[in-house]
Protein backbone atom coordinates (compact mmCIF):
# COMPACT_ATOMS: atom_id res chain seq x y z
CA MET A 1 -15.77 91.51 -33.76
CA SER A 2 -12.97 92.99 -35.86
CA ILE A 3 -13.25 91.90 -39.49
CA LEU A 4 -10.55 92.30 -42.11
CA CYS A 5 -12.10 92.53 -45.57
CA VAL A 6 -9.58 91.33 -48.15
CA ILE A 7 -10.17 92.08 -51.84
CA PRO A 8 -7.49 90.27 -53.90
CA VAL A 9 -6.97 91.93 -57.29
CA ARG A 10 -4.21 90.68 -59.57
CA GLY A 11 -2.96 92.76 -62.48
CA GLY A 12 -2.67 89.89 -64.91
CA SER A 13 -5.70 88.06 -66.26
CA LYS A 14 -5.84 85.79 -69.25
CA GLY A 15 -9.52 85.52 -70.24
CA VAL A 16 -10.22 89.27 -70.12
CA PRO A 17 -6.99 91.30 -70.03
CA ARG A 18 -6.91 93.94 -67.27
CA LYS A 19 -10.48 93.02 -66.37
CA ASN A 20 -10.28 94.42 -62.85
CA LEU A 21 -9.82 97.89 -64.35
CA ARG A 22 -12.42 97.52 -67.08
CA VAL A 23 -15.18 100.10 -66.77
CA VAL A 24 -18.44 98.28 -66.03
CA ALA A 25 -21.65 100.30 -65.58
CA GLY A 26 -19.59 103.46 -65.20
CA LYS A 27 -16.92 102.27 -62.75
CA PRO A 28 -13.77 100.12 -62.85
CA LEU A 29 -14.78 96.58 -61.94
CA VAL A 30 -12.79 96.54 -58.68
CA VAL A 31 -14.41 99.77 -57.48
CA TRP A 32 -17.85 98.15 -57.21
CA THR A 33 -16.59 95.69 -54.58
CA ILE A 34 -14.60 98.33 -52.69
CA GLU A 35 -17.60 100.65 -52.46
CA GLN A 36 -19.88 97.83 -51.33
CA ALA A 37 -17.48 96.95 -48.52
CA LEU A 38 -17.06 100.57 -47.44
CA ALA A 39 -20.84 101.10 -47.46
CA ALA A 40 -21.52 98.21 -45.06
CA ARG A 41 -22.78 99.11 -41.61
CA ALA A 42 -20.39 96.55 -40.15
CA ASP A 43 -17.00 98.07 -39.40
CA LEU A 44 -14.96 96.34 -42.10
CA ASP A 45 -11.22 96.98 -42.45
CA VAL A 46 -11.14 97.12 -46.26
CA LEU A 47 -7.78 96.06 -47.69
CA VAL A 48 -6.95 95.54 -51.37
CA SER A 49 -4.12 93.11 -52.11
CA THR A 50 -2.65 93.73 -55.55
CA ASP A 51 0.64 93.43 -57.39
CA ASP A 52 -0.29 96.18 -59.85
CA PRO A 53 0.53 99.88 -59.21
CA GLU A 54 -2.32 101.12 -61.44
CA ILE A 55 -4.88 98.98 -59.60
CA ALA A 56 -3.39 100.14 -56.30
CA GLY A 57 -3.95 103.77 -57.31
CA VAL A 58 -7.55 103.14 -58.37
CA ALA A 59 -8.24 101.23 -55.14
CA LYS A 60 -6.79 104.01 -52.98
CA ASP A 61 -8.84 106.62 -54.81
CA ALA A 62 -11.94 104.52 -54.11
CA GLY A 63 -11.16 104.57 -50.38
CA ALA A 64 -9.54 101.18 -49.77
CA ASP A 65 -6.34 100.64 -47.82
CA VAL A 66 -3.50 99.36 -50.01
CA PRO A 67 -0.63 98.98 -47.53
CA PHE A 68 1.64 96.99 -49.86
CA LEU A 69 2.17 95.74 -53.38
CA ARG A 70 1.75 92.00 -53.31
CA PRO A 71 4.97 90.02 -53.92
CA SER A 72 5.25 88.55 -57.42
CA THR A 73 5.44 85.07 -55.87
CA LEU A 74 1.83 85.57 -54.75
CA ALA A 75 0.60 86.94 -58.08
CA ARG A 76 1.14 84.07 -60.48
CA ASP A 77 -1.58 82.45 -62.57
CA GLU A 78 -1.43 79.34 -60.41
CA THR A 79 -1.33 81.12 -57.03
CA PRO A 80 -4.23 80.00 -54.76
CA THR A 81 -6.22 82.63 -52.89
CA GLU A 82 -5.46 81.37 -49.37
CA PRO A 83 -1.76 82.37 -49.30
CA VAL A 84 -2.78 85.84 -50.50
CA VAL A 85 -5.23 86.19 -47.61
CA ARG A 86 -2.68 84.84 -45.10
CA HIS A 87 -0.19 87.43 -46.36
CA ALA A 88 -2.72 90.23 -45.75
CA ILE A 89 -3.48 88.87 -42.28
CA GLY A 90 0.26 88.80 -41.56
CA VAL A 91 0.60 92.46 -42.46
CA ARG A 92 -2.19 93.40 -40.07
CA VAL A 93 -0.68 91.23 -37.31
CA GLU A 94 2.65 92.99 -37.76
CA GLN A 95 0.77 96.27 -37.33
CA GLY A 96 -0.73 94.97 -34.08
CA ARG A 97 -4.19 94.67 -35.63
CA ARG A 98 -4.95 90.95 -35.75
CA PRO A 99 -8.56 90.54 -36.93
CA GLU A 100 -10.94 88.04 -35.39
CA ALA A 101 -12.45 87.16 -38.78
CA VAL A 102 -11.71 87.69 -42.46
CA MET A 103 -14.24 88.54 -45.15
CA LEU A 104 -12.94 87.59 -48.59
CA LEU A 105 -14.61 89.41 -51.48
CA GLN A 106 -13.76 88.65 -55.09
CA ALA A 107 -13.80 91.71 -57.35
CA THR A 108 -14.81 89.50 -60.26
CA SER A 109 -18.20 88.99 -58.59
CA PRO A 110 -19.28 92.65 -58.51
CA VAL A 111 -23.05 92.28 -58.01
CA ARG A 112 -23.98 92.48 -54.33
CA PHE A 113 -27.16 94.16 -53.18
CA ALA A 114 -27.30 96.80 -50.48
CA GLY A 115 -27.36 95.00 -47.13
CA THR A 116 -25.87 91.74 -48.41
CA LEU A 117 -22.55 92.11 -46.57
CA ASP A 118 -24.25 93.15 -43.33
CA ARG A 119 -26.63 90.21 -43.62
CA ALA A 120 -23.62 87.91 -43.95
CA VAL A 121 -21.98 89.36 -40.85
CA GLU A 122 -25.23 89.03 -38.91
CA GLN A 123 -25.64 85.39 -39.94
CA PHE A 124 -22.00 84.66 -39.06
CA HIS A 125 -22.50 86.07 -35.57
CA ALA A 126 -25.90 84.49 -34.95
CA SER A 127 -25.09 81.01 -36.26
CA GLY A 128 -21.74 80.60 -34.50
CA VAL A 129 -20.20 78.92 -37.55
CA ASP A 130 -16.46 78.91 -38.19
CA SER A 131 -16.78 79.82 -41.86
CA LEU A 132 -19.50 81.05 -44.17
CA VAL A 133 -19.69 80.64 -47.94
CA GLY A 134 -21.87 82.64 -50.34
CA VAL A 135 -24.11 80.46 -52.49
CA VAL A 136 -27.00 80.83 -54.92
CA PRO A 137 -29.86 78.32 -55.27
CA GLN A 138 -29.93 75.92 -58.23
CA THR A 139 -32.68 73.49 -59.15
CA PRO A 140 -31.73 69.84 -58.58
CA PHE A 141 -32.01 69.08 -62.30
CA LEU A 142 -28.27 68.50 -62.57
CA TRP A 143 -26.30 65.64 -64.12
CA MET A 144 -22.78 64.30 -63.66
CA MET A 145 -21.13 63.37 -66.97
CA GLY A 146 -19.77 59.83 -67.35
CA THR A 147 -20.21 56.55 -69.19
CA ASP A 148 -23.49 56.28 -67.34
CA PRO A 149 -24.61 59.85 -66.52
CA ILE A 150 -25.90 60.29 -62.97
CA ALA A 151 -28.72 62.69 -62.09
CA ALA A 152 -28.90 64.65 -58.85
CA TYR A 153 -32.61 63.81 -58.72
CA GLU A 154 -34.80 60.82 -59.50
CA PRO A 155 -35.73 61.21 -63.21
CA SER A 156 -38.74 58.88 -62.92
CA ARG A 157 -40.20 61.14 -60.22
CA ARG A 158 -39.21 64.50 -61.64
CA PRO A 159 -40.84 67.19 -59.47
CA ARG A 160 -42.39 70.36 -60.79
CA ARG A 161 -40.25 73.41 -60.13
CA GLN A 162 -43.09 75.11 -58.21
CA ASP A 163 -43.26 72.12 -55.85
CA LEU A 164 -39.60 72.29 -54.82
CA SER A 165 -38.74 73.17 -51.22
CA ALA A 166 -35.51 74.81 -49.99
CA GLU A 167 -34.19 71.34 -49.12
CA ASP A 168 -34.70 70.17 -52.70
CA TYR A 169 -32.40 72.78 -54.19
CA ALA A 170 -28.69 72.47 -54.79
CA TYR A 171 -26.59 75.51 -53.85
CA ARG A 172 -23.76 76.78 -56.07
CA GLU A 173 -20.75 78.46 -54.52
CA THR A 174 -20.55 81.90 -56.11
CA GLY A 175 -16.95 82.79 -55.25
CA SER A 176 -18.28 86.22 -54.30
CA LEU A 177 -18.14 86.14 -50.51
CA TYR A 178 -16.52 84.13 -47.73
CA LEU A 179 -16.38 84.95 -44.03
CA THR A 180 -13.96 82.97 -41.91
CA LYS A 181 -12.53 82.95 -38.40
CA THR A 182 -8.93 84.11 -38.71
CA SER A 183 -7.68 81.09 -36.79
CA LEU A 184 -8.81 78.76 -39.59
CA TYR A 185 -6.29 80.25 -41.99
CA SER A 186 -3.45 79.26 -39.69
CA GLU A 187 -4.94 75.99 -38.47
CA CYS A 188 -6.36 74.64 -41.76
CA GLY A 189 -4.85 76.90 -44.38
CA SER A 190 -8.30 77.26 -45.93
CA ARG A 191 -11.12 79.79 -46.17
CA LEU A 192 -13.59 77.00 -45.39
CA GLY A 193 -13.33 74.65 -42.45
CA GLY A 194 -14.71 73.78 -39.06
CA ARG A 195 -18.47 74.25 -38.97
CA ILE A 196 -19.45 75.68 -42.36
CA GLY A 197 -22.57 77.72 -43.00
CA LEU A 198 -24.30 78.53 -46.30
CA PHE A 199 -25.07 82.18 -46.93
CA VAL A 200 -27.82 82.24 -49.57
CA MET A 201 -27.58 85.16 -51.98
CA ASP A 202 -29.97 86.32 -54.69
CA GLU A 203 -29.30 84.46 -57.95
CA ARG A 204 -28.54 87.82 -59.62
CA GLU A 205 -25.58 88.15 -57.25
CA GLY A 206 -24.04 84.98 -58.69
CA VAL A 207 -22.30 86.64 -61.66
CA ASP A 208 -18.62 85.70 -61.94
CA VAL A 209 -16.61 87.58 -64.57
CA ASP A 210 -14.36 85.30 -66.60
CA THR A 211 -15.31 86.28 -70.16
CA GLU A 212 -16.42 89.28 -72.20
CA LEU A 213 -19.96 87.90 -72.06
CA ASP A 214 -19.77 87.81 -68.26
CA LEU A 215 -18.79 91.49 -68.31
CA LEU A 216 -21.89 92.33 -70.34
CA ILE A 217 -24.11 90.34 -67.96
CA ALA A 218 -22.52 92.03 -64.93
CA GLU A 219 -23.07 95.43 -66.52
CA GLN A 220 -26.76 94.70 -67.08
CA HIS A 221 -27.24 93.66 -63.46
CA LEU A 222 -25.27 96.62 -62.10
CA ASP A 223 -27.18 99.09 -64.29
CA TRP A 224 -30.43 97.63 -62.96
CA PHE A 225 -29.13 97.76 -59.40
CA ARG A 226 -28.04 101.40 -59.77
CA SER A 227 -31.39 102.44 -61.29
CA GLU A 228 -33.25 100.76 -58.42
CA LEU A 229 -31.02 102.51 -55.88
CA ASP A 230 -31.41 105.91 -57.58
CA GLY A 231 -35.18 105.45 -57.70
CA GLY A 232 -35.29 104.59 -54.03
CA GLU A 233 -33.23 107.64 -53.11
CA ARG A 234 -35.54 109.93 -55.10
CA ALA A 235 -38.60 108.40 -53.46
CA SER A 236 -37.29 108.75 -49.92
């Protein structure tokens, strides 16, 4: 199966200015995601969609294909992600390279362990789903705010955490990874549709960078990940 891996990286960001170029654990933030995609055993066609020439240069140096600068109409604060992905698909179709599926990776979720992307591809193939969404497990001890707050569990029969089963957990969408049949983008206009599967990631992979604090947390996780990888390479 041919898979187009789209990494959308806009130049403008309000919470953390130029965050996609911020150096985190020794590399620009966007480079972590590019290198993870290029390192996958699956043959991913890694494309960075950006409106920013500086980001485009960094992405090319990291090994990604940057075949265009994204039109300004697709780089506004309010621009959804789906039109950006459809634009990238359209470019590949014009080149005679229509993919069968699209992996969407957000550069603002830079923590992905070795093997995570391949595991997602394997699950996508084996399960036969139309779309796959990366999630991390959350305990069911969640509440909805309102005049009368509503719990996602029965407070009078609150279970012990160690007694919870996989079915008892809630699963939070990370925003890190989506894998979708290309046809869904034209038929539904969405990254999620048809038969949807949950791809469970390690909770440490659930970091989403929106603030300076998030950058610090991501750096801690990536430093740990790099030290584990370096240790493994020395031991092998």
